[in-house]
Amino acid sequence: MFTIVFIAFTSLGATAGGFTSHCGPYTLVAREGDVSIINGERVTSQKIKLLGEDGIKIDMSLMPAKDGNNYGFQYIRRPGSESRFLNVQLLQNSMDAPKIIGSFPCKKVSG
């Protein structure tokens, strides 16, 4: 697991073992060897997948968040580009409930 996380952050060109991105109303902080933090809350699960040589996909969940809701997050950096975005879904108990999904472009913060 450490090797995968290390390679993932190395491929991002991240400084100090991680990165911070602003994605709409969300701030994502990722640090090497630790789970990500979204808006000050540590995610409850996380899966990292490398996409090509310099891309990454991070699937995360926050169950429950401080507001009592459950959320699924997907951070994607496309390989070969500086394009980054965060998909957010409100996870609901009922399979019949309409899906509430948002997608936000991300801007990497230096440092």
N, C-alpha and C. Protein backbone atom coordinates (compact mmCIF):
# COMPACT_ATOMS: atom_id res chain seq x y z
N MET A 1 0.83 -1.19 0.00
CA MET A 1 0.00 0.00 0.00
C MET A 1 0.87 1.25 0.00
N PHE A 2 1.94 1.27 0.79
CA PHE A 2 2.82 2.43 0.84
C PHE A 2 3.42 2.70 -0.53
N THR A 3 3.81 1.65 -1.24
CA THR A 3 4.40 1.82 -2.57
C THR A 3 3.41 2.46 -3.52
N ILE A 4 2.16 2.02 -3.50
CA ILE A 4 1.15 2.59 -4.39
C ILE A 4 0.93 4.06 -4.08
N VAL A 5 0.80 4.40 -2.80
CA VAL A 5 0.60 5.80 -2.43
C VAL A 5 1.80 6.64 -2.81
N PHE A 6 3.02 6.14 -2.58
CA PHE A 6 4.23 6.87 -2.93
C PHE A 6 4.30 7.12 -4.42
N ILE A 7 4.03 6.10 -5.22
CA ILE A 7 4.06 6.25 -6.68
C ILE A 7 2.99 7.24 -7.12
N ALA A 8 1.82 7.17 -6.51
CA ALA A 8 0.73 8.07 -6.90
C ALA A 8 1.12 9.52 -6.67
N PHE A 9 1.69 9.83 -5.53
CA PHE A 9 2.05 11.21 -5.25
C PHE A 9 3.28 11.64 -6.03
N THR A 10 4.18 10.71 -6.33
CA THR A 10 5.33 11.02 -7.16
C THR A 10 4.85 11.38 -8.57
N SER A 11 3.88 10.65 -9.07
CA SER A 11 3.40 10.90 -10.43
C SER A 11 2.67 12.23 -10.53
N LEU A 12 2.19 12.75 -9.42
CA LEU A 12 1.51 14.04 -9.45
C LEU A 12 2.48 15.20 -9.42
N GLY A 13 3.74 14.92 -9.16
CA GLY A 13 4.69 16.00 -9.02
C GLY A 13 4.40 16.80 -7.77
N ALA A 14 3.87 16.15 -6.75
CA ALA A 14 3.48 16.84 -5.54
C ALA A 14 4.70 17.18 -4.70
N THR A 15 4.60 18.30 -4.03
CA THR A 15 5.68 18.71 -3.15
C THR A 15 5.33 18.34 -1.72
N ALA A 16 6.32 18.13 -0.91
CA ALA A 16 6.16 17.81 0.51
C ALA A 16 5.25 16.60 0.73
N GLY A 17 5.27 15.64 -0.19
CA GLY A 17 4.54 14.40 -0.01
C GLY A 17 3.04 14.52 -0.14
N GLY A 18 2.54 15.45 -0.93
CA GLY A 18 1.11 15.56 -1.11
C GLY A 18 0.72 16.79 -1.91
N PHE A 19 -0.58 17.09 -1.87
CA PHE A 19 -1.08 18.26 -2.60
C PHE A 19 -2.37 18.73 -1.97
N THR A 20 -2.74 19.96 -2.29
CA THR A 20 -4.01 20.54 -1.90
C THR A 20 -4.68 21.07 -3.16
N SER A 21 -5.97 20.77 -3.33
CA SER A 21 -6.73 21.26 -4.48
C SER A 21 -8.03 21.88 -4.01
N HIS A 22 -8.40 22.99 -4.65
CA HIS A 22 -9.71 23.61 -4.43
C HIS A 22 -10.61 23.19 -5.58
N CYS A 23 -11.73 22.56 -5.25
CA CYS A 23 -12.66 22.04 -6.25
C CYS A 23 -14.06 22.55 -5.90
N GLY A 24 -14.46 23.67 -6.51
CA GLY A 24 -15.75 24.26 -6.15
C GLY A 24 -15.76 24.58 -4.67
N PRO A 25 -16.79 24.14 -3.93
CA PRO A 25 -16.86 24.42 -2.49
C PRO A 25 -16.03 23.46 -1.63
N TYR A 26 -15.26 22.58 -2.26
CA TYR A 26 -14.49 21.57 -1.53
C TYR A 26 -13.00 21.86 -1.59
N THR A 27 -12.32 21.57 -0.47
CA THR A 27 -10.87 21.62 -0.42
C THR A 27 -10.38 20.21 -0.11
N LEU A 28 -9.58 19.66 -1.01
CA LEU A 28 -9.05 18.31 -0.88
C LEU A 28 -7.58 18.40 -0.50
N VAL A 29 -7.21 17.78 0.62
CA VAL A 29 -5.82 17.72 1.05
C VAL A 29 -5.40 16.26 1.05
N ALA A 30 -4.40 15.94 0.25
CA ALA A 30 -3.89 14.56 0.16
C ALA A 30 -2.43 14.57 0.60
N ARG A 31 -2.09 13.67 1.49
CA ARG A 31 -0.72 13.54 1.99
C ARG A 31 -0.26 12.10 1.83
N GLU A 32 0.99 11.94 1.48
CA GLU A 32 1.57 10.61 1.31
C GLU A 32 1.46 9.81 2.60
N GLY A 33 0.98 8.58 2.49
CA GLY A 33 0.89 7.68 3.63
C GLY A 33 -0.29 7.93 4.54
N ASP A 34 -1.23 8.78 4.14
CA ASP A 34 -2.38 9.09 4.98
C ASP A 34 -3.62 9.17 4.09
N VAL A 35 -4.80 9.04 4.69
CA VAL A 35 -6.02 9.20 3.90
C VAL A 35 -6.27 10.68 3.67
N SER A 36 -7.03 10.98 2.64
CA SER A 36 -7.29 12.37 2.26
C SER A 36 -8.22 13.05 3.26
N ILE A 37 -8.18 14.38 3.23
CA ILE A 37 -9.05 15.21 4.06
C ILE A 37 -9.84 16.11 3.13
N ILE A 38 -11.16 16.12 3.28
CA ILE A 38 -12.03 16.97 2.47
C ILE A 38 -12.77 17.92 3.41
N ASN A 39 -12.57 19.21 3.18
CA ASN A 39 -13.18 20.26 4.02
C ASN A 39 -12.96 19.99 5.51
N GLY A 40 -11.76 19.58 5.86
CA GLY A 40 -11.40 19.37 7.26
C GLY A 40 -11.83 18.04 7.84
N GLU A 41 -12.47 17.18 7.07
CA GLU A 41 -12.91 15.87 7.55
C GLU A 41 -12.12 14.76 6.87
N ARG A 42 -11.58 13.85 7.68
CA ARG A 42 -10.82 12.72 7.15
C ARG A 42 -11.78 11.71 6.53
N VAL A 43 -11.52 11.30 5.28
CA VAL A 43 -12.40 10.34 4.62
C VAL A 43 -12.35 9.00 5.34
N THR A 44 -13.44 8.24 5.25
CA THR A 44 -13.51 6.95 5.95
C THR A 44 -12.96 5.80 5.12
N SER A 45 -12.91 5.96 3.80
CA SER A 45 -12.28 4.95 2.95
C SER A 45 -11.70 5.64 1.72
N GLN A 46 -10.69 4.99 1.14
CA GLN A 46 -9.98 5.58 0.01
C GLN A 46 -9.33 4.49 -0.83
N LYS A 47 -9.44 4.63 -2.15
CA LYS A 47 -8.79 3.70 -3.08
C LYS A 47 -8.11 4.54 -4.16
N ILE A 48 -6.83 4.26 -4.40
CA ILE A 48 -6.04 5.03 -5.37
C ILE A 48 -5.71 4.15 -6.56
N LYS A 49 -5.93 4.69 -7.76
CA LYS A 49 -5.59 3.97 -8.99
C LYS A 49 -4.82 4.92 -9.90
N LEU A 50 -3.67 4.44 -10.39
CA LEU A 50 -2.88 5.24 -11.32
C LEU A 50 -3.48 5.14 -12.71
N LEU A 51 -3.47 6.26 -13.42
CA LEU A 51 -3.96 6.32 -14.80
C LEU A 51 -2.80 6.74 -15.68
N GLY A 52 -2.22 5.80 -16.38
CA GLY A 52 -1.07 6.12 -17.22
C GLY A 52 0.14 6.50 -16.39
N GLU A 53 1.01 7.33 -16.96
CA GLU A 53 2.25 7.70 -16.27
C GLU A 53 2.06 8.82 -15.26
N ASP A 54 1.12 9.74 -15.51
CA ASP A 54 1.00 10.88 -14.62
C ASP A 54 -0.44 11.20 -14.22
N GLY A 55 -1.35 10.26 -14.43
CA GLY A 55 -2.73 10.47 -14.03
C GLY A 55 -3.06 9.68 -12.77
N ILE A 56 -4.17 10.05 -12.13
CA ILE A 56 -4.57 9.37 -10.90
C ILE A 56 -6.08 9.46 -10.73
N LYS A 57 -6.65 8.44 -10.10
CA LYS A 57 -8.06 8.45 -9.71
C LYS A 57 -8.10 8.04 -8.24
N ILE A 58 -8.73 8.86 -7.42
CA ILE A 58 -8.86 8.56 -6.00
C ILE A 58 -10.35 8.48 -5.68
N ASP A 59 -10.83 7.29 -5.32
CA ASP A 59 -12.21 7.09 -4.89
C ASP A 59 -12.24 7.16 -3.37
N MET A 60 -13.14 7.98 -2.83
CA MET A 60 -13.20 8.19 -1.38
C MET A 60 -14.65 8.19 -0.92
N SER A 61 -14.86 7.88 0.35
CA SER A 61 -16.19 8.02 0.93
C SER A 61 -16.06 8.69 2.29
N LEU A 62 -17.10 9.39 2.66
CA LEU A 62 -17.17 10.06 3.95
C LEU A 62 -18.52 9.68 4.56
N MET A 63 -18.46 8.77 5.55
CA MET A 63 -19.69 8.20 6.11
C MET A 63 -19.61 8.13 7.63
N PRO A 64 -20.40 8.87 8.32
CA PRO A 64 -21.15 10.04 7.89
C PRO A 64 -20.30 11.30 8.00
N ALA A 65 -20.68 12.32 7.26
CA ALA A 65 -20.04 13.63 7.35
C ALA A 65 -20.60 14.36 8.57
N LYS A 66 -20.01 15.50 8.90
CA LYS A 66 -20.47 16.27 10.05
C LYS A 66 -21.94 16.68 9.93
N ASP A 67 -22.42 16.82 8.69
CA ASP A 67 -23.82 17.20 8.49
C ASP A 67 -24.78 16.00 8.57
N GLY A 68 -24.24 14.80 8.83
CA GLY A 68 -25.06 13.60 8.99
C GLY A 68 -25.30 12.82 7.71
N ASN A 69 -24.91 13.37 6.56
CA ASN A 69 -25.09 12.69 5.28
C ASN A 69 -23.87 11.85 4.92
N ASN A 70 -24.07 10.91 4.01
CA ASN A 70 -22.98 10.09 3.47
C ASN A 70 -22.65 10.58 2.07
N TYR A 71 -21.35 10.68 1.76
CA TYR A 71 -20.92 11.19 0.46
C TYR A 71 -19.89 10.26 -0.17
N GLY A 72 -19.93 10.19 -1.49
CA GLY A 72 -18.89 9.52 -2.26
C GLY A 72 -18.17 10.57 -3.09
N PHE A 73 -16.84 10.49 -3.14
CA PHE A 73 -16.02 11.45 -3.88
C PHE A 73 -15.14 10.70 -4.86
N GLN A 74 -14.87 11.33 -5.99
CA GLN A 74 -13.94 10.76 -6.97
C GLN A 74 -13.11 11.91 -7.53
N TYR A 75 -11.81 11.91 -7.18
CA TYR A 75 -10.87 12.92 -7.69
C TYR A 75 -10.14 12.31 -8.88
N ILE A 76 -10.12 13.03 -10.00
CA ILE A 76 -9.48 12.51 -11.20
C ILE A 76 -8.53 13.55 -11.78
N ARG A 77 -7.32 13.11 -12.07
CA ARG A 77 -6.38 13.90 -12.86
C ARG A 77 -6.11 13.08 -14.11
N ARG A 78 -6.51 13.63 -15.24
CA ARG A 78 -6.35 12.90 -16.51
C ARG A 78 -4.88 12.79 -16.88
N PRO A 79 -4.48 11.62 -17.40
CA PRO A 79 -3.08 11.46 -17.81
C PRO A 79 -2.74 12.38 -18.98
N GLY A 80 -1.54 12.94 -18.91
CA GLY A 80 -1.06 13.79 -19.99
C GLY A 80 -1.65 15.18 -20.03
N SER A 81 -2.35 15.58 -18.97
CA SER A 81 -2.91 16.94 -18.95
C SER A 81 -2.90 17.47 -17.52
N GLU A 82 -3.20 18.74 -17.39
CA GLU A 82 -3.32 19.35 -16.07
C GLU A 82 -4.79 19.40 -15.62
N SER A 83 -5.67 18.73 -16.36
CA SER A 83 -7.10 18.72 -16.04
C SER A 83 -7.35 17.89 -14.78
N ARG A 84 -8.00 18.52 -13.80
CA ARG A 84 -8.36 17.85 -12.54
C ARG A 84 -9.81 18.17 -12.24
N PHE A 85 -10.54 17.19 -11.67
CA PHE A 85 -11.91 17.48 -11.25
C PHE A 85 -12.32 16.54 -10.12
N LEU A 86 -13.35 16.95 -9.39
CA LEU A 86 -13.87 16.19 -8.26
C LEU A 86 -15.36 15.94 -8.50
N ASN A 87 -15.73 14.66 -8.54
CA ASN A 87 -17.14 14.27 -8.62
C ASN A 87 -17.61 13.98 -7.20
N VAL A 88 -18.79 14.46 -6.85
CA VAL A 88 -19.35 14.27 -5.51
C VAL A 88 -20.76 13.73 -5.65
N GLN A 89 -21.08 12.68 -4.88
CA GLN A 89 -22.43 12.12 -4.90
C GLN A 89 -22.94 11.98 -3.48
N LEU A 90 -24.16 12.47 -3.26
CA LEU A 90 -24.85 12.25 -1.99
C LEU A 90 -25.36 10.82 -2.01
N LEU A 91 -24.91 10.00 -1.07
CA LEU A 91 -25.31 8.59 -1.01
C LEU A 91 -26.57 8.48 -0.16
N GLN A 92 -27.61 7.87 -0.74
CA GLN A 92 -28.89 7.77 -0.06
C GLN A 92 -29.27 6.31 0.16
N ASN A 93 -30.10 6.07 1.18
CA ASN A 93 -30.50 4.70 1.53
C ASN A 93 -31.43 4.08 0.51
N SER A 94 -32.31 4.86 -0.07
CA SER A 94 -33.31 4.32 -0.99
C SER A 94 -32.75 4.21 -2.41
N MET A 95 -32.91 3.03 -3.00
CA MET A 95 -32.47 2.83 -4.38
C MET A 95 -33.34 3.61 -5.36
N ASP A 96 -34.55 3.99 -4.92
CA ASP A 96 -35.48 4.73 -5.78
C ASP A 96 -35.24 6.24 -5.74
N ALA A 97 -34.45 6.70 -4.79
CA ALA A 97 -34.19 8.14 -4.67
C ALA A 97 -33.37 8.62 -5.86
N PRO A 98 -33.66 9.82 -6.35
CA PRO A 98 -32.86 10.35 -7.47
C PRO A 98 -31.42 10.59 -7.04
N LYS A 99 -30.49 10.35 -7.95
CA LYS A 99 -29.08 10.57 -7.64
C LYS A 99 -28.79 12.06 -7.65
N ILE A 100 -28.04 12.49 -6.65
CA ILE A 100 -27.62 13.89 -6.57
C ILE A 100 -26.10 13.89 -6.73
N ILE A 101 -25.64 14.38 -7.89
CA ILE A 101 -24.23 14.33 -8.24
C ILE A 101 -23.78 15.71 -8.69
N GLY A 102 -22.58 16.10 -8.27
CA GLY A 102 -21.97 17.35 -8.73
C GLY A 102 -20.57 17.08 -9.22
N SER A 103 -20.12 17.86 -10.18
CA SER A 103 -18.76 17.74 -10.70
C SER A 103 -18.13 19.12 -10.68
N PHE A 104 -16.93 19.22 -10.10
CA PHE A 104 -16.28 20.50 -9.90
C PHE A 104 -14.86 20.48 -10.44
N PRO A 105 -14.49 21.47 -11.26
CA PRO A 105 -13.10 21.56 -11.71
C PRO A 105 -12.21 21.91 -10.51
N CYS A 106 -10.99 21.41 -10.51
CA CYS A 106 -10.07 21.63 -9.40
C CYS A 106 -8.89 22.49 -9.82
N LYS A 107 -8.42 23.26 -8.87
CA LYS A 107 -7.23 24.07 -9.07
C LYS A 107 -6.24 23.69 -7.97
N LYS A 108 -5.06 23.23 -8.37
CA LYS A 108 -4.04 22.84 -7.41
C LYS A 108 -3.47 24.08 -6.74
N VAL A 109 -3.35 24.02 -5.42
CA VAL A 109 -2.80 25.11 -4.64
C VAL A 109 -1.33 24.81 -4.41
N SER A 110 -0.47 25.79 -4.60
CA SER A 110 0.96 25.56 -4.40
C SER A 110 1.25 25.37 -2.93
N GLY A 111 2.27 24.53 -2.65
CA GLY A 111 2.71 24.32 -1.28
C GLY A 111 2.09 23.17 -0.60
